[in-house]
Each structure stands twice: as C-alpha cells, then as structure tokens.
Amino acid sequence: MREIKVLGPGCPKCEQLKKNAEQAVVLAGVPCNVEKITDMLRISEYGIMLTPALVVDGEVKAVGKVLPPEQIVEFLK
C-alpha cells in the first residue's frame, strides 16, 4: 500500500494539502494511507524547513506549497 504523509503544524494550508491528498487518492484509485504529521521532531527528520510538505512513499515531493489533487495524482502513478 502506498504511503502519503502531509507534514505541517496544522495551519490552514497544511489542512488543505491533506484534503487534496485524500481527494487525489480517490481520483487515482490507488490504495494509500494518508497521514498528517504535526510533530516538529518527526517533520525535521525529513529535512523540511518549510511547511506544508508532501511525502509520497518516503520521498519528499513538495515543500512550502499546496498542490492540487490532480498534481498529487501524478505522484501515485
């Protein structure tokens, strides 16, 4: 199963990225776990200095921006 992690403290942009990731999972039809990580210690393990950030299968795909669902789908193909 694919893994998507949304990294951020819980700001509105972080919440929107999580919603977009969940919508992308539905659009892609790919089984995925979507996890929201707010713990700054865990976020720092990814080398992230700016949030929100999107991690797909352990690889950082975006930092500091809210990607639309259609763009997130591309990472799931």
C-alpha atoms as a PDB file:
ATOM      1  CA  MET A   1       0.000   0.000   0.000  1.00  0.00           C
ATOM      2  CA  ARG A   2       1.266   3.479  -0.870  1.00  0.00           C
ATOM      3  CA  GLU A   3       2.039   5.985   1.888  1.00  0.00           C
ATOM      4  CA  ILE A   4       1.338   9.712   1.759  1.00  0.00           C
ATOM      5  CA  LYS A   5       2.442  11.977   4.584  1.00  0.00           C
ATOM      6  CA  VAL A   6       1.441  15.614   4.931  1.00  0.00           C
ATOM      7  CA  LEU A   7       3.921  17.468   7.122  1.00  0.00           C
ATOM      8  CA  GLY A   8       2.916  20.629   8.942  1.00  0.00           C
ATOM      9  CA  PRO A   9       1.847  22.093  12.264  1.00  0.00           C
ATOM     10  CA  GLY A  10      -1.853  22.204  11.445  1.00  0.00           C
ATOM     11  CA  CYS A  11      -2.168  25.531   9.662  1.00  0.00           C
ATOM     12  CA  PRO A  12      -4.949  26.033   7.081  1.00  0.00           C
ATOM     13  CA  LYS A  13      -2.537  25.326   4.192  1.00  0.00           C
ATOM     14  CA  CYS A  14      -1.483  22.043   5.806  1.00  0.00           C
ATOM     15  CA  GLU A  15      -5.093  21.015   6.282  1.00  0.00           C
ATOM     16  CA  GLN A  16      -5.886  21.871   2.656  1.00  0.00           C
ATOM     17  CA  LEU A  17      -2.935  19.807   1.418  1.00  0.00           C
ATOM     18  CA  LYS A  18      -4.214  16.832   3.435  1.00  0.00           C
ATOM     19  CA  LYS A  19      -7.682  17.206   1.900  1.00  0.00           C
ATOM     20  CA  ASN A  20      -6.137  17.462  -1.564  1.00  0.00           C
ATOM     21  CA  ALA A  21      -4.063  14.327  -0.921  1.00  0.00           C
ATOM     22  CA  GLU A  22      -7.157  12.419   0.188  1.00  0.00           C
ATOM     23  CA  GLN A  23      -9.002  13.586  -2.933  1.00  0.00           C
ATOM     24  CA  ALA A  24      -6.031  12.527  -5.097  1.00  0.00           C
ATOM     25  CA  VAL A  25      -6.202   9.017  -3.630  1.00  0.00           C
ATOM     26  CA  VAL A  26      -9.842   8.778  -4.698  1.00  0.00           C
ATOM     27  CA  LEU A  27      -9.084  10.170  -8.170  1.00  0.00           C
ATOM     28  CA  ALA A  28      -6.137   7.795  -8.678  1.00  0.00           C
ATOM     29  CA  GLY A  29      -7.999   4.764  -7.377  1.00  0.00           C
ATOM     30  CA  VAL A  30      -4.805   3.600  -5.697  1.00  0.00           C
ATOM     31  CA  PRO A  31      -4.907   2.221  -2.138  1.00  0.00           C
ATOM     32  CA  CYS A  32      -2.998   4.666   0.072  1.00  0.00           C
ATOM     33  CA  ASN A  33      -2.600   5.565   3.700  1.00  0.00           C
ATOM     34  CA  VAL A  34      -2.735   9.341   4.205  1.00  0.00           C
ATOM     35  CA  GLU A  35      -1.125  10.500   7.425  1.00  0.00           C
ATOM     36  CA  LYS A  36      -0.864  14.025   8.848  1.00  0.00           C
ATOM     37  CA  ILE A  37       2.321  14.636  10.823  1.00  0.00           C
ATOM     38  CA  THR A  38       2.346  17.656  13.124  1.00  0.00           C
ATOM     39  CA  ASP A  39       5.237  16.700  15.409  1.00  0.00           C
ATOM     40  CA  MET A  40       8.110  19.044  14.554  1.00  0.00           C
ATOM     41  CA  LEU A  41      10.714  16.446  15.550  1.00  0.00           C
ATOM     42  CA  ARG A  42       9.288  13.962  13.020  1.00  0.00           C
ATOM     43  CA  ILE A  43       8.997  16.709  10.390  1.00  0.00           C
ATOM     44  CA  SER A  44      12.655  17.646  10.902  1.00  0.00           C
ATOM     45  CA  GLU A  45      13.649  14.035  10.163  1.00  0.00           C
ATOM     46  CA  TYR A  46      12.681  14.732   6.536  1.00  0.00           C
ATOM     47  CA  GLY A  47      14.919  17.811   6.380  1.00  0.00           C
ATOM     48  CA  ILE A  48      11.881  20.038   5.898  1.00  0.00           C
ATOM     49  CA  MET A  49      12.375  23.714   6.716  1.00  0.00           C
ATOM     50  CA  LEU A  50       9.092  24.992   5.282  1.00  0.00           C
ATOM     51  CA  THR A  51       5.576  23.594   5.532  1.00  0.00           C
ATOM     52  CA  PRO A  52       3.329  22.251   4.280  1.00  0.00           C
ATOM     53  CA  ALA A  53       5.251  19.409   2.729  1.00  0.00           C
ATOM     54  CA  LEU A  54       4.137  16.290   0.887  1.00  0.00           C
ATOM     55  CA  VAL A  55       5.949  12.958   1.178  1.00  0.00           C
ATOM     56  CA  VAL A  56       4.982  10.012  -1.039  1.00  0.00           C
ATOM     57  CA  ASP A  57       6.463   6.606  -0.220  1.00  0.00           C
ATOM     58  CA  GLY A  58       9.241   8.216   1.831  1.00  0.00           C
ATOM     59  CA  GLU A  59      10.254  10.726  -0.856  1.00  0.00           C
ATOM     60  CA  VAL A  60       9.681  14.460  -0.377  1.00  0.00           C
ATOM     61  CA  LYS A  61       7.659  15.653  -3.374  1.00  0.00           C
ATOM     62  CA  ALA A  62       6.729  19.229  -2.443  1.00  0.00           C
ATOM     63  CA  VAL A  63       7.720  21.798   0.166  1.00  0.00           C
ATOM     64  CA  GLY A  64       6.020  25.056   1.037  1.00  0.00           C
ATOM     65  CA  LYS A  65       3.073  24.759  -1.324  1.00  0.00           C
ATOM     66  CA  VAL A  66      -0.402  23.331  -1.532  1.00  0.00           C
ATOM     67  CA  LEU A  67      -0.536  21.058  -4.559  1.00  0.00           C
ATOM     68  CA  PRO A  68      -3.872  20.481  -6.286  1.00  0.00           C
ATOM     69  CA  PRO A  69      -5.250  16.915  -6.218  1.00  0.00           C
ATOM     70  CA  GLU A  70      -4.537  16.434  -9.935  1.00  0.00           C
ATOM     71  CA  GLN A  71      -0.824  17.105  -9.393  1.00  0.00           C
ATOM     72  CA  ILE A  72      -0.674  14.715  -6.432  1.00  0.00           C
ATOM     73  CA  VAL A  73      -2.265  12.008  -8.608  1.00  0.00           C
ATOM     74  CA  GLU A  74       0.820  12.175 -10.852  1.00  0.00           C
ATOM     75  CA  PHE A  75       2.979  11.014  -7.915  1.00  0.00           C
ATOM     76  CA  LEU A  76       0.747   7.980  -7.443  1.00  0.00           C
ATOM     77  CA  LYS A  77       1.065   6.606 -10.971  1.00  0.00           C
END
